Amino acid sequence: MRYDNDTVSPMIQFLQASKRYPSGHDALLNVSFEMQQGEMAFLTGHSGAGKSTLLKLIALIERTSRGQVIINGENTSKVKTRRIPYFRRNIGIIFQDHQLLFDRTVYDNVALPLIIAGQPPREIARRTRAALDKVGLLNREKSYPITLSGGEQQRVGIARAVVNKPSLLLADEPTGNLDPELSWEIMQVFEQFRQVGVTVLVASHDIDMIQRMGHRILALKNGQLVGDTHQESASL
């Protein structure tokens, strides 16, 4: 899979972005930062700090209450509801709960976004197998998710998220249920996508893992961005 990396505008821009839910809870308060295309960063913070909300604003699962979120040059506040599915085609989203269809094969799970997008069968087959090969599961395409390990199920979720060749990859606690060895394996898959120009933003509690990766760390506390640092990678 190839990705273009010739844009000069930031992939992600938060400009004093805030999110207040109907209950009155302020999940995010005046958050501002930028991420360039091909950059990888980690989002940290206590439970309830606003990590998931921030990712949801990027994917237009939620909208800002104040401020702006601009993704690849497009102001999300101006994206009409009917256009949201098209907007999301450039974004891969990975959840801690893999949200796989257990009555479908691995191949069918990964192919689903391409089927929904109306791609021709030959293109679906080519891209689905390329995505499975990227995460090391091409030999399991006929298997059902129930027969896979937790790490393998998560890799199926990653393959499904990248099969549309998104320019932006979001992951919400993707290794929360995995042991350290499997977590490291998943992080290396994300690193491979970064190396071909994909912007990767991962929400995680795993500070030790994050520090080993050696990328930028955005820290949230009570909805506010309280840290923006870059760690040197640990020796592997």
C-alpha atoms as a PDB file:
ATOM      1  CA  MET A   1       0.000   0.000   0.000  1.00  0.00           C
ATOM      2  CA  ARG A   2       1.283   3.456  -0.903  1.00  0.00           C
ATOM      3  CA  TYR A   3       0.421   6.804   0.564  1.00  0.00           C
ATOM      4  CA  ASP A   4       1.086  10.295  -0.716  1.00  0.00           C
ATOM      5  CA  ASN A   5       3.067  12.570   1.557  1.00  0.00           C
ATOM      6  CA  ASP A   6       3.221  15.802  -0.407  1.00  0.00           C
ATOM      7  CA  THR A   7       0.857  18.076   1.503  1.00  0.00           C
ATOM      8  CA  VAL A   8       2.243  20.957   3.559  1.00  0.00           C
ATOM      9  CA  SER A   9      -0.849  21.761   5.630  1.00  0.00           C
ATOM     10  CA  PRO A  10      -1.237  20.002   9.007  1.00  0.00           C
ATOM     11  CA  MET A  11      -3.268  16.801   9.032  1.00  0.00           C
ATOM     12  CA  ILE A  12      -4.858  17.712  12.387  1.00  0.00           C
ATOM     13  CA  GLN A  13      -5.472  21.197  13.793  1.00  0.00           C
ATOM     14  CA  PHE A  14      -7.272  21.898  17.070  1.00  0.00           C
ATOM     15  CA  LEU A  15      -7.949  25.607  17.579  1.00  0.00           C
ATOM     16  CA  GLN A  16      -9.273  26.338  21.086  1.00  0.00           C
ATOM     17  CA  ALA A  17     -11.587  23.334  20.703  1.00  0.00           C
ATOM     18  CA  SER A  18     -14.041  22.572  23.496  1.00  0.00           C
ATOM     19  CA  LYS A  19     -16.729  19.936  23.960  1.00  0.00           C
ATOM     20  CA  ARG A  20     -19.551  20.211  26.471  1.00  0.00           C
ATOM     21  CA  TYR A  21     -22.017  17.344  26.633  1.00  0.00           C
ATOM     22  CA  PRO A  22     -25.774  17.932  27.216  1.00  0.00           C
ATOM     23  CA  SER A  23     -25.291  16.895  30.861  1.00  0.00           C
ATOM     24  CA  GLY A  24     -23.149  20.018  31.284  1.00  0.00           C
ATOM     25  CA  HIS A  25     -19.892  18.074  31.547  1.00  0.00           C
ATOM     26  CA  ASP A  26     -16.949  19.802  29.854  1.00  0.00           C
ATOM     27  CA  ALA A  27     -15.016  16.907  28.285  1.00  0.00           C
ATOM     28  CA  LEU A  28     -12.523  19.189  26.509  1.00  0.00           C
ATOM     29  CA  LEU A  29     -11.566  22.801  27.262  1.00  0.00           C
ATOM     30  CA  ASN A  30      -9.769  25.095  24.801  1.00  0.00           C
ATOM     31  CA  VAL A  31      -7.495  22.427  23.335  1.00  0.00           C
ATOM     32  CA  SER A  32      -5.026  23.595  20.668  1.00  0.00           C
ATOM     33  CA  PHE A  33      -2.364  21.566  18.847  1.00  0.00           C
ATOM     34  CA  GLU A  34      -1.305  20.473  15.364  1.00  0.00           C
ATOM     35  CA  MET A  35      -0.100  17.202  13.860  1.00  0.00           C
ATOM     36  CA  GLN A  36       1.634  16.948  10.500  1.00  0.00           C
ATOM     37  CA  GLN A  37       1.055  14.248   7.915  1.00  0.00           C
ATOM     38  CA  GLY A  38       3.193  11.212   8.656  1.00  0.00           C
ATOM     39  CA  GLU A  39       3.543  12.129  12.343  1.00  0.00           C
ATOM     40  CA  MET A  40       2.798   9.664  15.146  1.00  0.00           C
ATOM     41  CA  ALA A  41       1.702  10.809  18.598  1.00  0.00           C
ATOM     42  CA  PHE A  42       0.251   9.350  21.769  1.00  0.00           C
ATOM     43  CA  LEU A  43      -2.631  10.784  23.759  1.00  0.00           C
ATOM     44  CA  THR A  44      -2.411  10.137  27.505  1.00  0.00           C
ATOM     45  CA  GLY A  45      -4.321  11.081  30.628  1.00  0.00           C
ATOM     46  CA  HIS A  46      -6.430   9.689  33.440  1.00  0.00           C
ATOM     47  CA  SER A  47      -9.731   7.953  32.785  1.00  0.00           C
ATOM     48  CA  GLY A  48     -12.186  10.703  31.859  1.00  0.00           C
ATOM     49  CA  ALA A  49      -9.440  13.144  30.861  1.00  0.00           C
ATOM     50  CA  GLY A  50     -10.982  13.591  27.417  1.00  0.00           C
ATOM     51  CA  LYS A  51      -8.935  11.230  25.241  1.00  0.00           C
ATOM     52  CA  SER A  52     -11.885   9.430  23.634  1.00  0.00           C
ATOM     53  CA  THR A  53     -13.772  12.696  23.156  1.00  0.00           C
ATOM     54  CA  LEU A  54     -10.804  14.208  21.341  1.00  0.00           C
ATOM     55  CA  LEU A  55     -10.658  11.250  18.950  1.00  0.00           C
ATOM     56  CA  LYS A  56     -14.424  11.444  18.412  1.00  0.00           C
ATOM     57  CA  LEU A  57     -14.139  15.111  17.408  1.00  0.00           C
ATOM     58  CA  ILE A  58     -11.550  14.186  14.786  1.00  0.00           C
ATOM     59  CA  ALA A  59     -13.761  11.416  13.372  1.00  0.00           C
ATOM     60  CA  LEU A  60     -16.924  13.557  13.568  1.00  0.00           C
ATOM     61  CA  ILE A  61     -18.569  11.103  15.932  1.00  0.00           C
ATOM     62  CA  GLU A  62     -19.017  14.235  18.055  1.00  0.00           C
ATOM     63  CA  ARG A  63     -18.888  17.932  17.138  1.00  0.00           C
ATOM     64  CA  THR A  64     -17.181  20.750  18.988  1.00  0.00           C
ATOM     65  CA  SER A  65     -19.180  23.078  21.234  1.00  0.00           C
ATOM     66  CA  ARG A  66     -16.682  25.897  20.673  1.00  0.00           C
ATOM     67  CA  GLY A  67     -13.505  26.334  18.695  1.00  0.00           C
ATOM     68  CA  GLN A  68     -12.468  24.496  15.558  1.00  0.00           C
ATOM     69  CA  VAL A  69     -11.132  21.120  14.497  1.00  0.00           C
ATOM     70  CA  ILE A  70      -9.612  21.062  11.015  1.00  0.00           C
ATOM     71  CA  ILE A  71      -8.728  17.722   9.446  1.00  0.00           C
ATOM     72  CA  ASN A  72      -6.573  17.697   6.318  1.00  0.00           C
ATOM     73  CA  GLY A  73      -7.628  21.278   5.594  1.00  0.00           C
ATOM     74  CA  GLU A  74     -11.365  20.670   6.145  1.00  0.00           C
ATOM     75  CA  ASN A  75     -13.184  22.425   8.972  1.00  0.00           C
ATOM     76  CA  THR A  76     -15.279  19.715  10.642  1.00  0.00           C
ATOM     77  CA  SER A  77     -17.891  22.232  11.811  1.00  0.00           C
ATOM     78  CA  LYS A  78     -18.777  22.831   8.165  1.00  0.00           C
ATOM     79  CA  VAL A  79     -19.143  19.152   7.210  1.00  0.00           C
ATOM     80  CA  LYS A  80     -22.838  18.463   6.650  1.00  0.00           C
ATOM     81  CA  THR A  81     -24.288  15.395   8.350  1.00  0.00           C
ATOM     82  CA  ARG A  82     -24.931  13.615   5.062  1.00  0.00           C
ATOM     83  CA  ARG A  83     -21.248  14.032   4.115  1.00  0.00           C
ATOM     84  CA  ILE A  84     -19.848  12.507   7.310  1.00  0.00           C
ATOM     85  CA  PRO A  85     -19.541   8.950   5.854  1.00  0.00           C
ATOM     86  CA  TYR A  86     -17.478  10.343   2.963  1.00  0.00           C
ATOM     87  CA  PHE A  87     -15.381  12.452   5.338  1.00  0.00           C
ATOM     88  CA  ARG A  88     -14.576   9.325   7.388  1.00  0.00           C
ATOM     89  CA  ARG A  89     -13.313   7.398   4.377  1.00  0.00           C
ATOM     90  CA  ASN A  90      -9.932   9.054   4.888  1.00  0.00           C
ATOM     91  CA  ILE A  91      -9.837   8.043   8.566  1.00  0.00           C
ATOM     92  CA  GLY A  92      -9.152   4.586   9.985  1.00  0.00           C
ATOM     93  CA  ILE A  93     -10.560   4.017  13.479  1.00  0.00           C
ATOM     94  CA  ILE A  94      -9.433   1.230  15.807  1.00  0.00           C
ATOM     95  CA  PHE A  95     -11.256   0.475  19.050  1.00  0.00           C
ATOM     96  CA  GLN A  96     -10.175  -1.453  22.147  1.00  0.00           C
ATOM     97  CA  ASP A  97     -13.243  -3.604  21.528  1.00  0.00           C
ATOM     98  CA  HIS A  98     -12.384  -4.833  18.045  1.00  0.00           C
ATOM     99  CA  GLN A  99     -16.067  -4.719  16.971  1.00  0.00           C
ATOM    100  CA  LEU A 100     -15.577  -7.639  14.592  1.00  0.00           C
ATOM    101  CA  LEU A 101     -18.442  -9.567  13.023  1.00  0.00           C
ATOM    102  CA  PHE A 102     -18.036 -13.029  14.513  1.00  0.00           C
ATOM    103  CA  ASP A 103     -20.299 -14.707  11.949  1.00  0.00           C
ATOM    104  CA  ARG A 104     -18.038 -13.508   9.106  1.00  0.00           C
ATOM    105  CA  THR A 105     -14.564 -14.640   8.135  1.00  0.00           C
ATOM    106  CA  VAL A 106     -11.460 -12.541   8.675  1.00  0.00           C
ATOM    107  CA  TYR A 107     -11.487 -11.714   4.962  1.00  0.00           C
ATOM    108  CA  ASP A 108     -15.126 -10.587   5.053  1.00  0.00           C
ATOM    109  CA  ASN A 109     -14.521  -8.412   8.126  1.00  0.00           C
ATOM    110  CA  VAL A 110     -11.655  -6.581   6.457  1.00  0.00           C
ATOM    111  CA  ALA A 111     -13.419  -6.290   3.091  1.00  0.00           C
ATOM    112  CA  LEU A 112     -16.551  -4.700   4.588  1.00  0.00           C
ATOM    113  CA  PRO A 113     -15.528  -1.010   4.204  1.00  0.00           C
ATOM    114  CA  LEU A 114     -14.659  -1.613   0.547  1.00  0.00           C
ATOM    115  CA  ILE A 115     -17.978  -3.343  -0.079  1.00  0.00           C
ATOM    116  CA  ILE A 116     -19.833  -0.425   1.538  1.00  0.00           C
ATOM    117  CA  ALA A 117     -17.820   1.995  -0.624  1.00  0.00           C
ATOM    118  CA  GLY A 118     -18.912   0.114  -3.747  1.00  0.00           C
ATOM    119  CA  GLN A 119     -15.461  -0.988  -4.889  1.00  0.00           C
ATOM    120  CA  PRO A 120     -15.376  -3.622  -7.683  1.00  0.00           C
ATOM    121  CA  PRO A 121     -14.802  -7.248  -6.573  1.00  0.00           C
ATOM    122  CA  ARG A 122     -11.298  -7.508  -8.019  1.00  0.00           C
ATOM    123  CA  GLU A 123     -10.199  -4.318  -6.210  1.00  0.00           C
ATOM    124  CA  ILE A 124     -11.823  -5.549  -2.991  1.00  0.00           C
ATOM    125  CA  ALA A 125      -9.874  -8.801  -3.184  1.00  0.00           C
ATOM    126  CA  ARG A 126      -6.568  -7.081  -3.961  1.00  0.00           C
ATOM    127  CA  ARG A 127      -6.811  -4.468  -1.227  1.00  0.00           C
ATOM    128  CA  THR A 128      -8.222  -6.817   1.418  1.00  0.00           C
ATOM    129  CA  ARG A 129      -5.367  -9.273   0.940  1.00  0.00           C
ATOM    130  CA  ALA A 130      -2.827  -6.440   0.902  1.00  0.00           C
ATOM    131  CA  ALA A 131      -4.164  -5.175   4.239  1.00  0.00           C
ATOM    132  CA  LEU A 132      -4.124  -8.678   5.750  1.00  0.00           C
ATOM    133  CA  ASP A 133      -0.591  -9.197   4.519  1.00  0.00           C
ATOM    134  CA  LYS A 134       0.449  -5.890   6.097  1.00  0.00           C
ATOM    135  CA  VAL A 135      -0.644  -7.122   9.543  1.00  0.00           C
ATOM    136  CA  GLY A 136       0.659 -10.652   9.040  1.00  0.00           C
ATOM    137  CA  LEU A 137      -2.694 -12.437   8.777  1.00  0.00           C
ATOM    138  CA  LEU A 138      -2.961 -13.327   5.103  1.00  0.00           C
ATOM    139  CA  ASN A 139      -2.863 -17.025   6.024  1.00  0.00           C
ATOM    140  CA  ARG A 140      -5.899 -16.581   8.306  1.00  0.00           C
ATOM    141  CA  GLU A 141      -8.280 -14.969   5.802  1.00  0.00           C
ATOM    142  CA  LYS A 142     -10.700 -17.922   5.898  1.00  0.00           C
ATOM    143  CA  SER A 143     -10.693 -18.170   9.689  1.00  0.00           C
ATOM    144  CA  TYR A 144     -13.437 -16.843  11.928  1.00  0.00           C
ATOM    145  CA  PRO A 145     -12.560 -14.263  14.609  1.00  0.00           C
ATOM    146  CA  ILE A 146     -13.516 -16.607  17.448  1.00  0.00           C
ATOM    147  CA  THR A 147     -10.591 -18.863  16.498  1.00  0.00           C
ATOM    148  CA  LEU A 148      -8.051 -16.028  16.763  1.00  0.00           C
ATOM    149  CA  SER A 149      -6.054 -14.779  19.734  1.00  0.00           C
ATOM    150  CA  GLY A 150      -6.716 -11.328  21.181  1.00  0.00           C
ATOM    151  CA  GLY A 151      -3.700  -9.920  19.380  1.00  0.00           C
ATOM    152  CA  GLU A 152      -4.792 -11.448  16.086  1.00  0.00           C
ATOM    153  CA  GLN A 153      -8.312 -10.047  16.500  1.00  0.00           C
ATOM    154  CA  GLN A 154      -6.846  -6.601  17.102  1.00  0.00           C
ATOM    155  CA  ARG A 155      -4.742  -6.941  13.947  1.00  0.00           C
ATOM    156  CA  VAL A 156      -7.892  -7.796  11.985  1.00  0.00           C
ATOM    157  CA  GLY A 157      -9.370  -4.562  13.322  1.00  0.00           C
ATOM    158  CA  ILE A 158      -6.274  -2.682  12.170  1.00  0.00           C
ATOM    159  CA  ALA A 159      -6.436  -4.276   8.704  1.00  0.00           C
ATOM    160  CA  ARG A 160     -10.084  -3.236   8.403  1.00  0.00           C
ATOM    161  CA  ALA A 161      -9.203   0.306   9.500  1.00  0.00           C
ATOM    162  CA  VAL A 162      -6.466   0.709   6.864  1.00  0.00           C
ATOM    163  CA  VAL A 163      -8.012  -1.196   3.929  1.00  0.00           C
ATOM    164  CA  ASN A 164      -9.386   2.089   2.543  1.00  0.00           C
ATOM    165  CA  LYS A 165      -5.835   3.528   2.574  1.00  0.00           C
ATOM    166  CA  PRO A 166      -6.687   6.294   5.055  1.00  0.00           C
ATOM    167  CA  SER A 167      -4.343   9.232   5.499  1.00  0.00           C
ATOM    168  CA  LEU A 168      -5.166   9.315   9.231  1.00  0.00           C
ATOM    169  CA  LEU A 169      -5.296   6.443  11.721  1.00  0.00           C
ATOM    170  CA  LEU A 170      -6.925   6.824  15.158  1.00  0.00           C
ATOM    171  CA  ALA A 171      -6.669   4.178  17.873  1.00  0.00           C
ATOM    172  CA  ASP A 172      -8.524   4.319  21.201  1.00  0.00           C
ATOM    173  CA  GLU A 173      -6.759   2.161  23.830  1.00  0.00           C
ATOM    174  CA  PRO A 174      -5.916  -0.469  21.179  1.00  0.00           C
ATOM    175  CA  THR A 175      -3.727  -2.543  23.508  1.00  0.00           C
ATOM    176  CA  GLY A 176      -5.731  -2.189  26.715  1.00  0.00           C
ATOM    177  CA  ASN A 177      -6.618  -5.895  26.869  1.00  0.00           C
ATOM    178  CA  LEU A 178      -3.306  -7.269  25.597  1.00  0.00           C
ATOM    179  CA  ASP A 179      -0.153  -8.427  27.349  1.00  0.00           C
ATOM    180  CA  PRO A 180       3.059  -6.406  26.911  1.00  0.00           C
ATOM    181  CA  GLU A 181       4.455  -8.582  24.112  1.00  0.00           C
ATOM    182  CA  LEU A 182       1.289  -8.361  22.025  1.00  0.00           C
ATOM    183  CA  SER A 183       0.978  -4.646  22.781  1.00  0.00           C
ATOM    184  CA  TRP A 184       4.469  -4.050  21.417  1.00  0.00           C
ATOM    185  CA  GLU A 185       3.604  -6.081  18.322  1.00  0.00           C
ATOM    186  CA  ILE A 186       0.541  -3.899  17.663  1.00  0.00           C
ATOM    187  CA  MET A 187       2.569  -0.711  18.164  1.00  0.00           C
ATOM    188  CA  GLN A 188       5.088  -1.880  15.578  1.00  0.00           C
ATOM    189  CA  VAL A 189       2.245  -2.275  13.072  1.00  0.00           C
ATOM    190  CA  PHE A 190       1.261   1.363  13.720  1.00  0.00           C
ATOM    191  CA  GLU A 191       4.899   2.380  13.266  1.00  0.00           C
ATOM    192  CA  GLN A 192       4.970   0.694   9.849  1.00  0.00           C
ATOM    193  CA  PHE A 193       2.012   2.782   8.700  1.00  0.00           C
ATOM    194  CA  ARG A 194       3.651   5.959   9.980  1.00  0.00           C
ATOM    195  CA  GLN A 195       6.714   5.131   7.924  1.00  0.00           C
ATOM    196  CA  VAL A 196       4.650   5.220   4.712  1.00  0.00           C
ATOM    197  CA  GLY A 197       3.123   8.617   5.478  1.00  0.00           C
ATOM    198  CA  VAL A 198       0.040   7.849   7.569  1.00  0.00           C
ATOM    199  CA  THR A 199      -0.668  10.185  10.493  1.00  0.00           C
ATOM    200  CA  VAL A 200      -1.192   8.037  13.612  1.00  0.00           C
ATOM    201  CA  LEU A 201      -2.789   9.185  16.882  1.00  0.00           C
ATOM    202  CA  VAL A 202      -3.079   6.599  19.659  1.00  0.00           C
ATOM    203  CA  ALA A 203      -4.881   7.067  22.992  1.00  0.00           C
ATOM    204  CA  SER A 204      -3.258   4.898  25.638  1.00  0.00           C
ATOM    205  CA  HIS A 205      -2.701   4.516  29.392  1.00  0.00           C
ATOM    206  CA  ASP A 206       0.453   2.462  28.846  1.00  0.00           C
ATOM    207  CA  ILE A 207       3.145   4.995  29.727  1.00  0.00           C
ATOM    208  CA  ASP A 208       6.002   2.466  29.599  1.00  0.00           C
ATOM    209  CA  MET A 209       5.016   1.425  26.070  1.00  0.00           C
ATOM    210  CA  ILE A 210       4.614   5.019  24.936  1.00  0.00           C
ATOM    211  CA  GLN A 211       8.062   5.981  26.217  1.00  0.00           C
ATOM    212  CA  ARG A 212       9.634   2.999  24.444  1.00  0.00           C
ATOM    213  CA  MET A 213       8.112   4.123  21.143  1.00  0.00           C
ATOM    214  CA  GLY A 214       9.828   7.517  21.321  1.00  0.00           C
ATOM    215  CA  HIS A 215       7.149   9.693  19.732  1.00  0.00           C
ATOM    216  CA  ARG A 216       5.303  12.838  20.708  1.00  0.00           C
ATOM    217  CA  ILE A 217       3.090  12.677  23.815  1.00  0.00           C
ATOM    218  CA  LEU A 218      -0.008  14.854  24.252  1.00  0.00           C
ATOM    219  CA  ALA A 219      -1.196  14.759  27.861  1.00  0.00           C
ATOM    220  CA  LEU A 220      -4.757  15.604  28.887  1.00  0.00           C
ATOM    221  CA  LYS A 221      -6.019  16.374  32.390  1.00  0.00           C
ATOM    222  CA  ASN A 222      -9.642  17.222  33.131  1.00  0.00           C
ATOM    223  CA  GLY A 223     -10.235  18.079  29.488  1.00  0.00           C
ATOM    224  CA  GLN A 224      -7.241  20.398  29.126  1.00  0.00           C
ATOM    225  CA  LEU A 225      -4.017  19.821  27.229  1.00  0.00           C
ATOM    226  CA  VAL A 226      -1.374  20.015  29.965  1.00  0.00           C
ATOM    227  CA  GLY A 227       1.628  18.532  28.168  1.00  0.00           C
ATOM    228  CA  ASP A 228       3.108  18.270  24.674  1.00  0.00           C
ATOM    229  CA  THR A 229       6.497  16.561  24.719  1.00  0.00           C
ATOM    230  CA  HIS A 230       8.659  14.354  22.541  1.00  0.00           C
ATOM    231  CA  GLN A 231      10.310  11.281  24.057  1.00  0.00           C
ATOM    232  CA  GLU A 232      13.514   9.731  22.816  1.00  0.00           C
ATOM    233  CA  SER A 233      12.925   6.096  21.923  1.00  0.00           C
ATOM    234  CA  ALA A 234      14.335   3.495  24.267  1.00  0.00           C
ATOM    235  CA  SER A 235      16.828   0.995  22.924  1.00  0.00           C
ATOM    236  CA  LEU A 236      14.970  -2.069  21.601  1.00  0.00           C
END
